[in-house]
Amino acid sequence: MNIAYVRAFLIFLFIGISFVGSSQVLENYNPAIQEMYPETLRKSNTKIQVKLDLETFPNSTFRFAFPGKSTMFLEDKLWFQTATDTVFIIPLEGMKNFTSGSDSTGTMLTIIKAGINSSDVSVEKGFFENEVFKSKTEDSEKLLPEKRDVDNFNDFFFFAVIGILFLISVYKLIYPLVLKLILMPTSVFSAEDFSESNSVQKFFSLDVIFYLLLMNMMAFLLLMLCVKAVGNESLQFIVSGDLNQHFLSWLLGSSILILIAVLKFTLLRFLGFVFDLKKIVVPHFFYMLRIISITIFVMAFIVSIIVLNDFFELDITIKYLLYAFFWIYMVGVFMLFLIMSNRVSFKNYHLFVYICSAEIVPFLILSKVIIG
């Protein structure tokens, strides 16, 4: 008798649970999620895709689970973005209205996030009315994507690089020997500049001013990319705005760098007068200009390849390139000290004070301003 009561109780219990919990999974899309690995050296996945069937079971709903800071696309239309890990339910009809129809192969759902994998996402179709989840029951108009500000800095960067390359080709046609002499890496390890007698007119010649324009345009372009990638708040204003604002900031910044170069040469002339080293001021300036030029153009080449192909994380690459530039500059200053100590009949501690006043102190101040 007791067994019959227990059996009847269990039957009614299971029937009650079946009425209360109406959840039913019709299709599980998790095994069909595809990881789209990019063809880069990082081997870091940034996108996964899955085909959704929006034709069958029109009264069903979808249950989604997305990680935070991910962006979802239905076909080629931006659906929405998540700030945190999100789980929600949405009717199939609402998704169908948003995509404005689908073909027989299904509707492609694309999730984009750096380092995402298939286990971070869950997609199921069924009946989940009684489950405790945030339900997206908005109409199709509310599901339209929000207006976003398009970041066109990469377009500006490559337009600027192409413009600089064009000016370099013009410069090479006009002054073929000058560009070769300045950018010759072997001349860094020689004292060739210090064996010549130079005058101040050499600095203010048209070929030198033109070259300073090219180098400072490339230098300020790299500075803008550095601020954009690393996120220096104090210099963020130079990368804000639209494409026209970028070009205006670039040209103004390049002009300021040219002015700084002229002031640097003026400082060298003053220190040369104080330390009685007038004859080596111009060779000193062009020796360091050669080191900076070669380093900047090599950095520009590396950064352009990385931005174009997305081989590595740009912010990390920029930081290592800045460290490399710092130490290359310091090594160049040390080599300048060795060359000048052999060429100038001057006490080493006086020469050291001259080098610190002319190179190290201004460079450290400028580095502090830029790097923060």
Protein backbone atom coordinates (compact mmCIF):
# COMPACT_ATOMS: atom_id res chain seq x y z
CA MET A 1 0.00 0.00 0.00
CA ASN A 2 2.84 2.35 0.92
CA ILE A 3 4.57 1.54 -2.36
CA ALA A 4 1.44 2.52 -4.30
CA TYR A 5 1.29 5.89 -2.47
CA VAL A 6 4.95 6.56 -3.15
CA ARG A 7 4.54 5.64 -6.82
CA ALA A 8 1.50 7.93 -7.18
CA PHE A 9 3.36 10.77 -5.43
CA LEU A 10 6.33 10.46 -7.78
CA ILE A 11 4.07 10.39 -10.85
CA PHE A 12 2.27 13.58 -9.80
CA LEU A 13 5.61 15.18 -8.90
CA PHE A 14 7.13 14.51 -12.33
CA ILE A 15 3.97 15.69 -14.08
CA GLY A 16 4.05 18.93 -12.06
CA ILE A 17 7.70 19.53 -12.87
CA SER A 18 7.00 19.00 -16.56
CA PHE A 19 4.28 21.69 -16.45
CA VAL A 20 6.38 24.15 -14.43
CA GLY A 21 9.62 23.78 -16.33
CA SER A 22 8.68 24.29 -19.95
CA SER A 23 12.27 24.70 -21.17
CA GLN A 24 13.07 22.62 -24.23
CA VAL A 25 16.19 22.81 -26.40
CA LEU A 26 15.32 22.23 -30.04
CA GLU A 27 18.73 22.94 -31.60
CA ASN A 28 22.12 23.21 -29.94
CA TYR A 29 24.47 25.30 -32.11
CA ASN A 30 27.50 25.06 -29.83
CA PRO A 31 29.18 22.17 -31.71
CA ALA A 32 28.76 24.10 -34.99
CA ILE A 33 30.63 27.20 -33.79
CA GLN A 34 33.70 27.79 -35.97
CA GLU A 35 36.82 29.59 -34.79
CA MET A 36 38.21 31.84 -37.54
CA TYR A 37 41.94 32.05 -36.82
CA PRO A 38 43.70 34.92 -38.64
CA GLU A 39 46.75 34.27 -40.78
CA THR A 40 49.12 36.15 -38.51
CA LEU A 41 52.11 35.30 -36.36
CA ARG A 42 50.13 35.85 -33.16
CA LYS A 43 47.85 32.85 -33.69
CA SER A 44 45.29 34.68 -31.56
CA ASN A 45 41.68 34.16 -32.52
CA THR A 46 39.54 37.27 -32.90
CA LYS A 47 36.37 35.97 -34.56
CA ILE A 48 33.99 33.01 -34.34
CA GLN A 49 30.98 32.25 -36.55
CA VAL A 50 27.91 30.03 -36.52
CA LYS A 51 24.99 29.57 -38.94
CA LEU A 52 21.54 30.06 -37.41
CA ASP A 53 18.31 28.59 -38.77
CA LEU A 54 15.63 31.28 -38.68
CA GLU A 55 13.09 29.42 -40.83
CA THR A 56 12.01 26.47 -38.68
CA PHE A 57 10.09 26.68 -35.39
CA PRO A 58 8.90 30.29 -35.86
CA ASN A 59 7.48 30.46 -32.31
CA SER A 60 10.73 29.42 -30.66
CA THR A 61 13.33 31.61 -28.99
CA PHE A 62 17.11 31.82 -28.97
CA ARG A 63 19.20 31.70 -25.83
CA PHE A 64 22.60 33.40 -26.18
CA ALA A 65 25.60 33.67 -23.89
CA PHE A 66 28.30 36.13 -24.98
CA PRO A 67 31.51 37.25 -23.23
CA GLY A 68 32.07 40.86 -22.28
CA LYS A 69 33.54 43.40 -24.70
CA SER A 70 32.46 41.43 -27.76
CA THR A 71 30.72 42.64 -30.91
CA MET A 72 27.97 40.68 -32.66
CA PHE A 73 27.03 40.81 -36.34
CA LEU A 74 24.06 39.17 -38.07
CA GLU A 75 25.15 38.72 -41.66
CA ASP A 76 26.79 42.08 -42.48
CA LYS A 77 24.77 44.16 -40.00
CA LEU A 78 26.02 45.20 -36.59
CA TRP A 79 23.69 43.72 -33.98
CA PHE A 80 24.99 44.98 -30.63
CA GLN A 81 27.99 45.04 -28.30
CA THR A 82 28.39 43.69 -24.77
CA ALA A 83 30.15 45.51 -21.95
CA THR A 84 30.11 42.48 -19.59
CA ASP A 85 29.32 38.78 -19.83
CA THR A 86 25.73 38.60 -21.08
CA VAL A 87 23.08 35.86 -21.17
CA PHE A 88 19.68 36.64 -22.70
CA ILE A 89 16.71 35.26 -24.61
CA ILE A 90 15.27 36.74 -27.81
CA PRO A 91 12.34 35.57 -29.97
CA LEU A 92 13.21 34.11 -33.34
CA GLU A 93 10.78 36.48 -35.02
CA GLY A 94 12.65 39.53 -33.70
CA MET A 95 15.95 38.30 -35.14
CA LYS A 96 14.29 37.52 -38.45
CA ASN A 97 12.89 41.05 -38.67
CA PHE A 98 16.32 42.50 -37.90
CA THR A 99 18.06 40.55 -40.65
CA SER A 100 15.26 41.23 -43.16
CA GLY A 101 15.14 37.63 -44.33
CA SER A 102 17.59 34.75 -44.65
CA ASP A 103 18.49 32.18 -47.27
CA SER A 104 18.23 28.41 -47.13
CA THR A 105 21.75 28.01 -45.77
CA GLY A 106 20.97 30.04 -42.66
CA THR A 107 21.91 33.38 -41.15
CA MET A 108 25.54 33.94 -40.19
CA LEU A 109 26.16 35.11 -36.63
CA THR A 110 29.65 36.53 -36.13
CA ILE A 111 31.17 37.32 -32.73
CA ILE A 112 34.33 39.44 -32.68
CA LYS A 113 36.61 39.77 -29.67
CA ALA A 114 40.35 39.49 -29.18
CA GLY A 115 41.29 36.04 -27.86
CA ILE A 116 37.78 34.58 -28.10
CA ASN A 117 37.15 30.85 -28.47
CA SER A 118 34.10 28.65 -28.96
CA SER A 119 33.76 27.76 -25.28
CA ASP A 120 33.09 31.42 -24.44
CA VAL A 121 29.85 31.44 -26.46
CA SER A 122 26.63 29.47 -26.17
CA VAL A 123 23.84 29.49 -28.78
CA GLU A 124 20.68 27.39 -28.41
CA LYS A 125 17.20 27.45 -29.96
CA GLY A 126 14.15 26.22 -28.12
CA PHE A 127 11.47 27.27 -25.64
CA PHE A 128 12.88 29.08 -22.61
CA GLU A 129 9.93 31.19 -21.48
CA ASN A 130 10.11 30.23 -17.81
CA GLU A 131 13.85 30.49 -17.36
CA VAL A 132 15.23 33.39 -15.38
CA PHE A 133 17.21 35.32 -17.97
CA LYS A 134 17.15 38.80 -19.32
CA SER A 135 14.82 38.60 -22.31
CA LYS A 136 15.32 40.85 -25.33
CA THR A 137 11.78 41.30 -26.62
CA GLU A 138 12.32 44.66 -28.27
CA ASP A 139 10.91 45.21 -31.70
CA SER A 140 13.05 45.29 -34.79
CA GLU A 141 13.42 49.09 -34.70
CA LYS A 142 15.03 48.99 -31.27
CA LEU A 143 17.44 46.33 -32.46
CA LEU A 144 18.93 48.64 -35.07
CA PRO A 145 22.62 49.35 -34.44
CA GLU A 146 23.61 52.49 -32.62
CA LYS A 147 25.50 55.22 -34.42
CA ARG A 148 29.25 54.87 -33.93
CA ASP A 149 32.16 57.17 -34.54
CA VAL A 150 34.32 55.57 -37.24
CA ASP A 151 38.02 55.59 -36.40
CA ASN A 152 39.80 56.69 -39.56
CA PHE A 153 43.27 57.05 -38.05
CA ASN A 154 44.67 54.05 -39.95
CA ASP A 155 43.47 55.59 -43.22
CA PHE A 156 45.18 58.83 -42.29
CA PHE A 157 48.37 56.99 -41.33
CA PHE A 158 48.75 55.26 -44.68
CA PHE A 159 47.78 58.38 -46.64
CA ALA A 160 50.50 60.24 -44.74
CA VAL A 161 53.06 57.46 -45.34
CA ILE A 162 52.30 57.51 -49.07
CA GLY A 163 52.68 61.29 -49.09
CA ILE A 164 56.05 61.08 -47.34
CA LEU A 165 57.26 58.39 -49.75
CA PHE A 166 56.26 60.61 -52.66
CA LEU A 167 58.21 63.54 -51.21
CA ILE A 168 61.21 61.28 -50.60
CA SER A 169 61.16 60.20 -54.25
CA VAL A 170 61.08 63.88 -55.29
CA TYR A 171 63.95 64.63 -52.91
CA LYS A 172 65.98 61.75 -54.33
CA LEU A 173 65.48 63.09 -57.86
CA ILE A 174 66.63 66.57 -56.85
CA TYR A 175 69.38 65.62 -54.38
CA PRO A 176 70.38 62.02 -55.15
CA LEU A 177 73.71 62.11 -53.28
CA VAL A 178 72.53 63.90 -50.16
CA LEU A 179 69.90 61.31 -49.25
CA LYS A 180 72.38 58.50 -49.81
CA LEU A 181 75.00 60.13 -47.58
CA ILE A 182 72.59 60.89 -44.75
CA LEU A 183 70.93 57.46 -44.67
CA MET A 184 74.12 55.43 -45.09
CA PRO A 185 74.30 53.21 -41.95
CA THR A 186 78.07 52.63 -42.19
CA SER A 187 78.74 56.35 -41.75
CA VAL A 188 77.43 56.11 -38.18
CA PHE A 189 80.52 54.13 -37.18
CA SER A 190 82.99 56.53 -38.79
CA ALA A 191 84.21 60.04 -38.03
CA GLU A 192 83.78 61.20 -41.60
CA ASP A 193 81.63 64.21 -40.69
CA PHE A 194 84.24 65.49 -38.25
CA SER A 195 86.98 65.50 -40.87
CA GLU A 196 85.27 68.21 -42.91
CA SER A 197 85.08 71.92 -42.28
CA ASN A 198 81.47 73.01 -42.16
CA SER A 199 79.79 76.36 -42.01
CA VAL A 200 76.47 77.48 -40.65
CA GLN A 201 75.23 78.07 -44.21
CA LYS A 202 75.28 74.31 -44.74
CA PHE A 203 72.51 73.90 -42.17
CA PHE A 204 70.28 76.54 -43.72
CA SER A 205 70.67 75.25 -47.27
CA LEU A 206 67.56 74.16 -49.16
CA ASP A 207 68.51 70.48 -49.26
CA VAL A 208 68.92 70.33 -45.47
CA ILE A 209 65.65 72.17 -44.77
CA PHE A 210 63.82 69.88 -47.21
CA TYR A 211 65.31 66.82 -45.53
CA LEU A 212 64.40 68.10 -42.07
CA LEU A 213 60.84 68.53 -43.32
CA LEU A 214 60.69 64.89 -44.47
CA MET A 215 62.23 63.48 -41.31
CA ASN A 216 60.09 65.53 -38.95
CA MET A 217 56.92 64.67 -40.87
CA MET A 218 57.73 61.00 -40.38
CA ALA A 219 58.74 61.56 -36.75
CA PHE A 220 55.52 63.37 -35.84
CA LEU A 221 53.46 60.76 -37.68
CA LEU A 222 55.08 58.07 -35.52
CA LEU A 223 54.40 60.22 -32.46
CA MET A 224 50.71 60.41 -33.37
CA LEU A 225 50.59 56.64 -33.83
CA CYS A 226 52.33 56.20 -30.48
CA VAL A 227 49.76 58.41 -28.73
CA LYS A 228 46.92 56.57 -30.46
CA ALA A 229 48.22 53.11 -29.57
CA VAL A 230 49.54 53.70 -26.06
CA GLY A 231 46.91 56.26 -25.02
CA ASN A 232 48.91 59.18 -23.64
CA GLU A 233 46.22 61.40 -22.11
CA SER A 234 48.30 64.58 -22.14
CA LEU A 235 48.82 64.34 -25.93
CA GLN A 236 45.46 62.81 -26.84
CA PHE A 237 44.33 66.05 -28.50
CA ILE A 238 46.70 65.52 -31.45
CA VAL A 239 44.85 62.34 -32.51
CA SER A 240 41.28 63.50 -31.86
CA GLY A 241 38.91 64.62 -34.56
CA ASP A 242 38.21 63.56 -38.12
CA LEU A 243 40.54 62.94 -41.06
CA ASN A 244 41.00 66.64 -41.80
CA GLN A 245 41.87 67.31 -38.17
CA HIS A 246 44.49 64.54 -38.28
CA PHE A 247 46.18 66.10 -41.30
CA LEU A 248 46.10 69.55 -39.73
CA SER A 249 47.62 68.26 -36.48
CA TRP A 250 50.26 66.37 -38.45
CA LEU A 251 51.35 69.40 -40.48
CA LEU A 252 51.38 71.71 -37.46
CA GLY A 253 53.27 69.17 -35.39
CA SER A 254 55.84 68.65 -38.15
CA SER A 255 56.36 72.42 -38.32
CA ILE A 256 56.91 72.52 -34.55
CA LEU A 257 59.50 69.73 -34.80
CA ILE A 258 61.34 71.66 -37.52
CA LEU A 259 61.36 74.69 -35.22
CA ILE A 260 62.73 72.49 -32.42
CA ALA A 261 65.49 71.29 -34.78
CA VAL A 262 66.43 74.90 -35.55
CA LEU A 263 66.44 75.71 -31.83
CA LYS A 264 68.58 72.64 -31.22
CA PHE A 265 71.12 73.83 -33.77
CA THR A 266 71.05 77.30 -32.19
CA LEU A 267 71.72 75.71 -28.79
CA LEU A 268 74.67 73.82 -30.25
CA ARG A 269 76.06 77.06 -31.69
CA PHE A 270 75.75 78.70 -28.29
CA LEU A 271 77.40 75.79 -26.46
CA GLY A 272 80.09 75.66 -29.12
CA PHE A 273 80.83 79.31 -28.42
CA VAL A 274 80.88 78.73 -24.64
CA PHE A 275 83.11 75.63 -24.82
CA ASP A 276 85.14 76.93 -27.78
CA LEU A 277 84.02 74.04 -30.02
CA LYS A 278 82.66 76.02 -32.95
CA LYS A 279 84.22 73.78 -35.61
CA ILE A 280 82.47 70.60 -34.48
CA VAL A 281 78.96 72.02 -34.00
CA VAL A 282 77.74 71.26 -37.53
CA PRO A 283 79.39 67.77 -37.70
CA HIS A 284 77.91 67.05 -34.26
CA PHE A 285 74.42 68.05 -35.43
CA PHE A 286 74.52 66.01 -38.63
CA TYR A 287 76.01 62.95 -36.93
CA MET A 288 73.10 62.76 -34.48
CA LEU A 289 70.66 63.66 -37.27
CA ARG A 290 71.89 60.64 -39.22
CA ILE A 291 71.35 58.29 -36.26
CA ILE A 292 67.87 59.67 -35.57
CA SER A 293 66.90 59.55 -39.26
CA ILE A 294 67.93 55.93 -39.77
CA THR A 295 66.17 54.87 -36.56
CA ILE A 296 62.95 56.74 -37.40
CA PHE A 297 62.69 55.36 -40.94
CA VAL A 298 63.36 51.81 -39.71
CA MET A 299 60.68 52.24 -37.04
CA ALA A 300 58.26 53.59 -39.65
CA PHE A 301 58.88 50.55 -41.85
CA ILE A 302 58.28 48.11 -38.98
CA VAL A 303 55.16 49.90 -37.75
CA SER A 304 53.66 50.13 -41.24
CA ILE A 305 54.01 46.37 -41.73
CA ILE A 306 52.45 45.64 -38.33
CA VAL A 307 49.54 48.05 -38.81
CA LEU A 308 48.87 46.68 -42.29
CA ASN A 309 49.06 42.97 -41.38
CA ASP A 310 48.23 42.98 -37.65
CA PHE A 311 51.11 40.62 -36.83
CA PHE A 312 51.47 41.69 -33.20
CA GLU A 313 49.70 43.89 -30.67
CA LEU A 314 50.41 47.45 -31.80
CA ASP A 315 50.64 49.01 -28.34
CA ILE A 316 53.22 46.45 -27.18
CA THR A 317 55.22 46.91 -30.39
CA ILE A 318 55.20 50.70 -29.98
CA LYS A 319 56.47 50.43 -26.41
CA TYR A 320 59.37 48.18 -27.40
CA LEU A 321 60.23 50.45 -30.33
CA LEU A 322 60.30 53.46 -28.01
CA TYR A 323 62.64 51.63 -25.65
CA ALA A 324 64.82 50.66 -28.62
CA PHE A 325 64.89 54.26 -29.85
CA PHE A 326 65.91 55.48 -26.40
CA TRP A 327 68.85 53.10 -26.12
CA ILE A 328 69.94 53.61 -29.74
CA TYR A 329 70.02 57.34 -29.08
CA MET A 330 72.05 56.88 -25.90
CA VAL A 331 74.51 54.60 -27.71
CA GLY A 332 74.78 57.23 -30.45
CA VAL A 333 75.59 59.88 -27.84
CA PHE A 334 78.27 57.61 -26.38
CA MET A 335 79.80 57.05 -29.82
CA LEU A 336 79.70 60.81 -30.41
CA PHE A 337 81.62 61.27 -27.17
CA LEU A 338 84.28 58.76 -28.26
CA ILE A 339 84.68 60.36 -31.70
CA MET A 340 84.90 63.88 -30.29
CA SER A 341 87.38 62.84 -27.59
CA ASN A 342 89.72 61.62 -30.35
CA ARG A 343 89.16 64.62 -32.60
CA VAL A 344 89.16 67.47 -30.12
CA SER A 345 92.01 68.48 -27.83
CA PHE A 346 89.70 68.95 -24.92
CA LYS A 347 89.52 67.55 -21.41
CA ASN A 348 87.09 64.66 -21.15
CA TYR A 349 85.07 66.07 -18.27
CA HIS A 350 84.56 69.35 -20.17
CA LEU A 351 83.52 67.34 -23.20
CA PHE A 352 81.17 65.30 -21.02
CA VAL A 353 79.51 68.48 -19.72
CA TYR A 354 79.11 69.67 -23.31
CA ILE A 355 77.51 66.37 -24.40
CA CYS A 356 75.15 66.34 -21.42
CA SER A 357 74.09 69.94 -22.02
CA ALA A 358 73.66 69.50 -25.77
CA GLU A 359 72.14 66.01 -26.02
CA ILE A 360 71.29 64.05 -22.88
CA VAL A 361 69.41 66.68 -20.86
CA PRO A 362 67.19 67.92 -23.77
CA PHE A 363 66.52 64.33 -24.87
CA LEU A 364 65.49 63.19 -21.39
CA ILE A 365 63.17 66.18 -21.01
CA LEU A 366 61.56 65.50 -24.40
CA SER A 367 61.22 61.78 -23.60
CA LYS A 368 59.52 62.58 -20.31
CA VAL A 369 57.00 64.81 -22.07
CA ILE A 370 56.19 62.26 -24.79
CA ILE A 371 56.29 58.98 -22.85
CA GLY A 372 54.98 60.43 -19.61
